[in-house]
Amino acid sequence: VYLQMNSLEPEDTAVYYCAADAHGTDWYA
């Protein structure tokens, strides 16, 4: 999975974490 980040701002500074879950349906986000 990807996260394209454009027009970055100083407020975007952080540790970014990826997460996964197998529950739900194909409408689940």
PDB file of all heavy atoms in Angstrom:
ATOM      1  N   VAL A   1       0.859  -1.174   0.000  1.00  0.00           N
ATOM      2  CA  VAL A   1       0.000   0.000   0.000  1.00  0.00           C
ATOM      3  C   VAL A   1       0.901   1.231   0.000  1.00  0.00           C
ATOM      4  O   VAL A   1       1.996   1.209   0.561  1.00  0.00           O
ATOM      5  CB  VAL A   1      -0.961  -0.004   1.207  1.00  0.00           C
ATOM      6  CG1 VAL A   1      -0.215   0.060   2.524  1.00  0.00           C
ATOM      7  CG2 VAL A   1      -1.977   1.107   1.115  1.00  0.00           C
ATOM      8  N   TYR A   2       0.419   2.279  -0.651  1.00  0.00           N
ATOM      9  CA  TYR A   2       1.220   3.495  -0.816  1.00  0.00           C
ATOM     10  C   TYR A   2       0.474   4.703  -0.260  1.00  0.00           C
ATOM     11  O   TYR A   2      -0.754   4.723  -0.185  1.00  0.00           O
ATOM     12  CB  TYR A   2       1.502   3.741  -2.299  1.00  0.00           C
ATOM     13  CG  TYR A   2       2.169   2.597  -2.999  1.00  0.00           C
ATOM     14  CD1 TYR A   2       1.416   1.680  -3.738  1.00  0.00           C
ATOM     15  CD2 TYR A   2       3.542   2.413  -2.933  1.00  0.00           C
ATOM     16  CE1 TYR A   2       2.014   0.617  -4.381  1.00  0.00           C
ATOM     17  CE2 TYR A   2       4.159   1.354  -3.578  1.00  0.00           C
ATOM     18  CZ  TYR A   2       3.381   0.463  -4.300  1.00  0.00           C
ATOM     19  OH  TYR A   2       3.988  -0.594  -4.934  1.00  0.00           O
ATOM     20  N   LEU A   3       1.248   5.715   0.100  1.00  0.00           N
ATOM     21  CA  LEU A   3       0.679   7.008   0.465  1.00  0.00           C
ATOM     22  C   LEU A   3       1.496   8.076  -0.255  1.00  0.00           C
ATOM     23  O   LEU A   3       2.651   8.331   0.107  1.00  0.00           O
ATOM     24  CB  LEU A   3       0.710   7.244   1.976  1.00  0.00           C
ATOM     25  CG  LEU A   3       0.023   8.534   2.426  1.00  0.00           C
ATOM     26  CD1 LEU A   3      -1.494   8.430   2.200  1.00  0.00           C
ATOM     27  CD2 LEU A   3       0.308   8.824   3.897  1.00  0.00           C
ATOM     28  N   GLN A   4       0.904   8.649  -1.297  1.00  0.00           N
ATOM     29  CA  GLN A   4       1.542   9.748  -2.010  1.00  0.00           C
ATOM     30  C   GLN A   4       1.183  11.043  -1.299  1.00  0.00           C
ATOM     31  O   GLN A   4       0.000  11.363  -1.153  1.00  0.00           O
ATOM     32  CB  GLN A   4       1.063   9.800  -3.464  1.00  0.00           C
ATOM     33  CG  GLN A   4       1.640  10.943  -4.272  1.00  0.00           C
ATOM     34  CD  GLN A   4       3.132  10.830  -4.475  1.00  0.00           C
ATOM     35  OE1 GLN A   4       3.639   9.760  -4.772  1.00  0.00           O
ATOM     36  NE2 GLN A   4       3.844  11.943  -4.302  1.00  0.00           N
ATOM     37  N   MET A   5       2.209  11.772  -0.863  1.00  0.00           N
ATOM     38  CA  MET A   5       1.993  12.991  -0.103  1.00  0.00           C
ATOM     39  C   MET A   5       2.559  14.168  -0.883  1.00  0.00           C
ATOM     40  O   MET A   5       3.768  14.231  -1.127  1.00  0.00           O
ATOM     41  CB  MET A   5       2.675  12.882   1.271  1.00  0.00           C
ATOM     42  CG  MET A   5       2.240  11.667   2.065  1.00  0.00           C
ATOM     43  SD  MET A   5       2.911  11.629   3.746  1.00  0.00           S
ATOM     44  CE  MET A   5       4.647  11.456   3.391  1.00  0.00           C
ATOM     45  N   ASN A   6       1.690  15.065  -1.282  1.00  0.00           N
ATOM     46  CA  ASN A   6       2.078  16.266  -2.024  1.00  0.00           C
ATOM     47  C   ASN A   6       1.794  17.506  -1.187  1.00  0.00           C
ATOM     48  O   ASN A   6       1.045  17.463  -0.216  1.00  0.00           O
ATOM     49  CB  ASN A   6       1.317  16.332  -3.344  1.00  0.00           C
ATOM     50  CG  ASN A   6       1.603  15.164  -4.257  1.00  0.00           C
ATOM     51  OD1 ASN A   6       2.705  14.593  -4.248  1.00  0.00           O
ATOM     52  ND2 ASN A   6       0.620  14.784  -5.050  1.00  0.00           N
ATOM     53  N   SER A   7       2.385  18.620  -1.603  1.00  0.00           N
ATOM     54  CA  SER A   7       2.174  19.902  -0.919  1.00  0.00           C
ATOM     55  C   SER A   7       2.349  19.759   0.590  1.00  0.00           C
ATOM     56  O   SER A   7       1.517  20.217   1.376  1.00  0.00           O
ATOM     57  CB  SER A   7       0.771  20.446  -1.237  1.00  0.00           C
ATOM     58  OG  SER A   7       0.599  20.608  -2.629  1.00  0.00           O
ATOM     59  N   LEU A   8       3.417  19.130   0.969  1.00  0.00           N
ATOM     60  CA  LEU A   8       3.647  18.860   2.383  1.00  0.00           C
ATOM     61  C   LEU A   8       3.837  20.146   3.178  1.00  0.00           C
ATOM     62  O   LEU A   8       4.405  21.135   2.674  1.00  0.00           O
ATOM     63  CB  LEU A   8       4.855  17.946   2.556  1.00  0.00           C
ATOM     64  CG  LEU A   8       4.566  16.469   2.258  1.00  0.00           C
ATOM     65  CD1 LEU A   8       5.840  15.703   1.985  1.00  0.00           C
ATOM     66  CD2 LEU A   8       3.798  15.847   3.405  1.00  0.00           C
ATOM     67  N   GLU A   9       3.355  20.101   4.404  1.00  0.00           N
ATOM     68  CA  GLU A   9       3.416  21.245   5.315  1.00  0.00           C
ATOM     69  C   GLU A   9       4.164  20.830   6.578  1.00  0.00           C
ATOM     70  O   GLU A   9       4.191  19.633   6.921  1.00  0.00           O
ATOM     71  CB  GLU A   9       1.992  21.683   5.671  1.00  0.00           C
ATOM     72  CG  GLU A   9       1.127  22.017   4.479  1.00  0.00           C
ATOM     73  CD  GLU A   9      -0.342  22.129   4.856  1.00  0.00           C
ATOM     74  OE1 GLU A   9      -0.703  21.813   6.004  1.00  0.00           O
ATOM     75  OE2 GLU A   9      -1.131  22.538   3.972  1.00  0.00           O
ATOM     76  N   PRO A  10       4.765  21.785   7.289  1.00  0.00           N
ATOM     77  CA  PRO A  10       5.449  21.430   8.538  1.00  0.00           C
ATOM     78  C   PRO A  10       4.544  20.672   9.512  1.00  0.00           C
ATOM     79  O   PRO A  10       5.026  19.818  10.265  1.00  0.00           O
ATOM     80  CB  PRO A  10       5.865  22.792   9.096  1.00  0.00           C
ATOM     81  CG  PRO A  10       6.047  23.645   7.883  1.00  0.00           C
ATOM     82  CD  PRO A  10       4.979  23.205   6.926  1.00  0.00           C
ATOM     83  N   GLU A  11       3.238  20.960   9.467  1.00  0.00           N
ATOM     84  CA  GLU A  11       2.288  20.271  10.348  1.00  0.00           C
ATOM     85  C   GLU A  11       2.132  18.787  10.015  1.00  0.00           C
ATOM     86  O   GLU A  11       1.540  18.031  10.782  1.00  0.00           O
ATOM     87  CB  GLU A  11       0.915  20.937  10.273  1.00  0.00           C
ATOM     88  CG  GLU A  11       0.864  22.361  10.837  1.00  0.00           C
ATOM     89  CD  GLU A  11       1.546  23.396   9.947  1.00  0.00           C
ATOM     90  OE1 GLU A  11       1.700  23.134   8.721  1.00  0.00           O
ATOM     91  OE2 GLU A  11       1.917  24.455  10.466  1.00  0.00           O
ATOM     92  N   ASP A  12       2.634  18.363   8.875  1.00  0.00           N
ATOM     93  CA  ASP A  12       2.596  16.943   8.496  1.00  0.00           C
ATOM     94  C   ASP A  12       3.742  16.151   9.127  1.00  0.00           C
ATOM     95  O   ASP A  12       3.794  14.929   8.987  1.00  0.00           O
ATOM     96  CB  ASP A  12       2.670  16.791   6.981  1.00  0.00           C
ATOM     97  CG  ASP A  12       1.461  17.399   6.273  1.00  0.00           C
ATOM     98  OD1 ASP A  12       0.336  17.198   6.755  1.00  0.00           O
ATOM     99  OD2 ASP A  12       1.657  18.081   5.246  1.00  0.00           O
ATOM    100  N   THR A  13       4.653  16.824   9.796  1.00  0.00           N
ATOM    101  CA  THR A  13       5.776  16.148  10.439  1.00  0.00           C
ATOM    102  C   THR A  13       5.277  15.191  11.513  1.00  0.00           C
ATOM    103  O   THR A  13       4.518  15.583  12.404  1.00  0.00           O
ATOM    104  CB  THR A  13       6.727  17.185  11.063  1.00  0.00           C
ATOM    105  OG1 THR A  13       7.311  17.969  10.027  1.00  0.00           O
ATOM    106  CG2 THR A  13       7.824  16.493  11.859  1.00  0.00           C
ATOM    107  N   ALA A  14       5.669  13.927  11.392  1.00  0.00           N
ATOM    108  CA  ALA A  14       5.214  12.892  12.328  1.00  0.00           C
ATOM    109  C   ALA A  14       5.869  11.563  11.949  1.00  0.00           C
ATOM    110  O   ALA A  14       6.495  11.458  10.885  1.00  0.00           O
ATOM    111  CB  ALA A  14       3.702  12.733  12.260  1.00  0.00           C
ATOM    112  N   VAL A  15       5.679  10.586  12.811  1.00  0.00           N
ATOM    113  CA  VAL A  15       5.975   9.203  12.432  1.00  0.00           C
ATOM    114  C   VAL A  15       4.711   8.653  11.788  1.00  0.00           C
ATOM    115  O   VAL A  15       3.620   8.750  12.362  1.00  0.00           O
ATOM    116  CB  VAL A  15       6.368   8.359  13.645  1.00  0.00           C
ATOM    117  CG1 VAL A  15       6.593   6.910  13.231  1.00  0.00           C
ATOM    118  CG2 VAL A  15       7.631   8.928  14.300  1.00  0.00           C
ATOM    119  N   TYR A  16       4.869   8.086  10.609  1.00  0.00           N
ATOM    120  CA  TYR A  16       3.735   7.551   9.868  1.00  0.00           C
ATOM    121  C   TYR A  16       3.712   6.027  10.005  1.00  0.00           C
ATOM    122  O   TYR A  16       4.723   5.365   9.771  1.00  0.00           O
ATOM    123  CB  TYR A  16       3.826   7.950   8.397  1.00  0.00           C
ATOM    124  CG  TYR A  16       3.395   9.381   8.182  1.00  0.00           C
ATOM    125  CD1 TYR A  16       4.183  10.436   8.626  1.00  0.00           C
ATOM    126  CD2 TYR A  16       2.188   9.685   7.545  1.00  0.00           C
ATOM    127  CE1 TYR A  16       3.781  11.760   8.454  1.00  0.00           C
ATOM    128  CE2 TYR A  16       1.778  10.998   7.366  1.00  0.00           C
ATOM    129  CZ  TYR A  16       2.582  12.026   7.827  1.00  0.00           C
ATOM    130  OH  TYR A  16       2.181  13.334   7.657  1.00  0.00           O
ATOM    131  N   TYR A  17       2.530   5.514  10.348  1.00  0.00           N
ATOM    132  CA  TYR A  17       2.350   4.088  10.580  1.00  0.00           C
ATOM    133  C   TYR A  17       1.371   3.495   9.576  1.00  0.00           C
ATOM    134  O   TYR A  17       0.335   4.090   9.273  1.00  0.00           O
ATOM    135  CB  TYR A  17       1.795   3.841  11.981  1.00  0.00           C
ATOM    136  CG  TYR A  17       2.717   4.254  13.095  1.00  0.00           C
ATOM    137  CD1 TYR A  17       2.641   5.530  13.642  1.00  0.00           C
ATOM    138  CD2 TYR A  17       3.660   3.372  13.609  1.00  0.00           C
ATOM    139  CE1 TYR A  17       3.482   5.923  14.673  1.00  0.00           C
ATOM    140  CE2 TYR A  17       4.505   3.748  14.640  1.00  0.00           C
ATOM    141  CZ  TYR A  17       4.408   5.020  15.159  1.00  0.00           C
ATOM    142  OH  TYR A  17       5.243   5.403  16.185  1.00  0.00           O
ATOM    143  N   CYS A  18       1.685   2.307   9.132  1.00  0.00           N
ATOM    144  CA  CYS A  18       0.803   1.527   8.286  1.00  0.00           C
ATOM    145  C   CYS A  18       0.038   0.541   9.173  1.00  0.00           C
ATOM    146  O   CYS A  18       0.601   0.030  10.149  1.00  0.00           O
ATOM    147  CB  CYS A  18       1.667   0.771   7.268  1.00  0.00           C
ATOM    148  SG  CYS A  18       0.807  -0.372   6.215  1.00  0.00           S
ATOM    149  N   ALA A  19      -1.224   0.276   8.840  1.00  0.00           N
ATOM    150  CA  ALA A  19      -2.037  -0.648   9.628  1.00  0.00           C
ATOM    151  C   ALA A  19      -2.877  -1.516   8.709  1.00  0.00           C
ATOM    152  O   ALA A  19      -3.227  -1.104   7.598  1.00  0.00           O
ATOM    153  CB  ALA A  19      -2.934   0.145  10.574  1.00  0.00           C
ATOM    154  N   ALA A  20      -3.216  -2.708   9.197  1.00  0.00           N
ATOM    155  CA  ALA A  20      -3.986  -3.663   8.393  1.00  0.00           C
ATOM    156  C   ALA A  20      -5.058  -4.330   9.244  1.00  0.00           C
ATOM    157  O   ALA A  20      -4.858  -4.575  10.439  1.00  0.00           O
ATOM    158  CB  ALA A  20      -3.057  -4.728   7.811  1.00  0.00           C
ATOM    159  N   ASP A  21      -6.175  -4.644   8.591  1.00  0.00           N
ATOM    160  CA  ASP A  21      -7.235  -5.373   9.277  1.00  0.00           C
ATOM    161  C   ASP A  21      -7.995  -6.234   8.281  1.00  0.00           C
ATOM    162  O   ASP A  21      -8.317  -5.790   7.180  1.00  0.00           O
ATOM    163  CB  ASP A  21      -8.194  -4.406   9.964  1.00  0.00           C
ATOM    164  CG  ASP A  21      -9.151  -5.155  10.862  1.00  0.00           C
ATOM    165  OD1 ASP A  21      -8.747  -5.537  11.965  1.00  0.00           O
ATOM    166  OD2 ASP A  21     -10.300  -5.387  10.440  1.00  0.00           O
ATOM    167  N   ALA A  22      -8.288  -7.476   8.708  1.00  0.00           N
ATOM    168  CA  ALA A  22      -8.913  -8.449   7.809  1.00  0.00           C
ATOM    169  C   ALA A  22     -10.418  -8.517   7.948  1.00  0.00           C
ATOM    170  O   ALA A  22     -11.045  -9.326   7.259  1.00  0.00           O
ATOM    171  CB  ALA A  22      -8.323  -9.835   8.062  1.00  0.00           C
ATOM    172  N   HIS A  23     -11.018  -7.712   8.805  1.00  0.00           N
ATOM    173  CA  HIS A  23     -12.459  -7.785   8.977  1.00  0.00           C
ATOM    174  C   HIS A  23     -13.165  -6.902   7.963  1.00  0.00           C
ATOM    175  O   HIS A  23     -12.554  -6.115   7.272  1.00  0.00           O
ATOM    176  CB  HIS A  23     -12.832  -7.363  10.403  1.00  0.00           C
ATOM    177  CG  HIS A  23     -12.206  -8.230  11.442  1.00  0.00           C
ATOM    178  ND1 HIS A  23     -10.978  -7.940  12.006  1.00  0.00           N
ATOM    179  CD2 HIS A  23     -12.601  -9.400  11.994  1.00  0.00           C
ATOM    180  CE1 HIS A  23     -10.670  -8.894  12.869  1.00  0.00           C
ATOM    181  NE2 HIS A  23     -11.635  -9.792  12.883  1.00  0.00           N
ATOM    182  N   GLY A  24     -14.448  -7.016   7.903  1.00  0.00           N
ATOM    183  CA  GLY A  24     -15.242  -6.140   7.069  1.00  0.00           C
ATOM    184  C   GLY A  24     -15.407  -6.639   5.651  1.00  0.00           C
ATOM    185  O   GLY A  24     -15.193  -7.806   5.351  1.00  0.00           O
ATOM    186  N   THR A  25     -15.760  -5.719   4.776  1.00  0.00           N
ATOM    187  CA  THR A  25     -16.043  -6.043   3.384  1.00  0.00           C
ATOM    188  C   THR A  25     -15.206  -5.137   2.489  1.00  0.00           C
ATOM    189  O   THR A  25     -14.375  -4.371   2.960  1.00  0.00           O
ATOM    190  CB  THR A  25     -17.525  -5.793   3.073  1.00  0.00           C
ATOM    191  OG1 THR A  25     -17.765  -4.367   3.116  1.00  0.00           O
ATOM    192  CG2 THR A  25     -18.424  -6.483   4.088  1.00  0.00           C
ATOM    193  N   ASP A  26     -15.450  -5.217   1.215  1.00  0.00           N
ATOM    194  CA  ASP A  26     -14.711  -4.370   0.284  1.00  0.00           C
ATOM    195  C   ASP A  26     -15.171  -2.911   0.321  1.00  0.00           C
ATOM    196  O   ASP A  26     -14.685  -2.088  -0.436  1.00  0.00           O
ATOM    197  CB  ASP A  26     -14.830  -4.924  -1.134  1.00  0.00           C
ATOM    198  CG  ASP A  26     -13.767  -4.359  -2.059  1.00  0.00           C
ATOM    199  OD1 ASP A  26     -12.726  -3.868  -1.555  1.00  0.00           O
ATOM    200  OD2 ASP A  26     -13.964  -4.381  -3.282  1.00  0.00           O
ATOM    201  N   TRP A  27     -16.101  -2.594   1.214  1.00  0.00           N
ATOM    202  CA  TRP A  27     -16.480  -1.197   1.438  1.00  0.00           C
ATOM    203  C   TRP A  27     -15.899  -0.686   2.753  1.00  0.00           C
ATOM    204  O   TRP A  27     -16.215   0.397   3.202  1.00  0.00           O
ATOM    205  CB  TRP A  27     -18.005  -1.051   1.474  1.00  0.00           C
ATOM    206  CG  TRP A  27     -18.605  -1.312   0.139  1.00  0.00           C
ATOM    207  CD1 TRP A  27     -19.251  -2.433  -0.266  1.00  0.00           C
ATOM    208  CD2 TRP A  27     -18.578  -0.438  -0.995  1.00  0.00           C
ATOM    209  NE1 TRP A  27     -19.644  -2.311  -1.577  1.00  0.00           N
ATOM    210  CE2 TRP A  27     -19.241  -1.103  -2.053  1.00  0.00           C
ATOM    211  CE3 TRP A  27     -18.052   0.851  -1.224  1.00  0.00           C
ATOM    212  CZ2 TRP A  27     -19.403  -0.524  -3.305  1.00  0.00           C
ATOM    213  CZ3 TRP A  27     -18.228   1.425  -2.473  1.00  0.00           C
ATOM    214  CH2 TRP A  27     -18.884   0.741  -3.493  1.00  0.00           C
ATOM    215  N   TYR A  28     -15.050  -1.494   3.372  1.00  0.00           N
ATOM    216  CA  TYR A  28     -14.532  -1.224   4.706  1.00  0.00           C
ATOM    217  C   TYR A  28     -13.197  -0.503   4.617  1.00  0.00           C
ATOM    218  O   TYR A  28     -12.223  -1.050   4.088  1.00  0.00           O
ATOM    219  CB  TYR A  28     -14.372  -2.569   5.414  1.00  0.00           C
ATOM    220  CG  TYR A  28     -13.944  -2.532   6.846  1.00  0.00           C
ATOM    221  CD1 TYR A  28     -14.754  -1.991   7.845  1.00  0.00           C
ATOM    222  CD2 TYR A  28     -12.742  -3.107   7.245  1.00  0.00           C
ATOM    223  CE1 TYR A  28     -14.366  -2.008   9.170  1.00  0.00           C
ATOM    224  CE2 TYR A  28     -12.348  -3.132   8.561  1.00  0.00           C
ATOM    225  CZ  TYR A  28     -13.166  -2.582   9.525  1.00  0.00           C
ATOM    226  OH  TYR A  28     -12.792  -2.609  10.835  1.00  0.00           O
ATOM    227  N   ALA A  29     -13.159   0.720   5.103  1.00  0.00           N
ATOM    228  CA  ALA A  29     -11.927   1.516   5.120  1.00  0.00           C
ATOM    229  C   ALA A  29     -11.955   2.355   6.388  1.00  0.00           C
ATOM    230  O   ALA A  29     -12.177   3.577   6.349  1.00  0.00           O
ATOM    231  CB  ALA A  29     -11.837   2.402   3.881  1.00  0.00           C
TER     232      ALA A  29
END
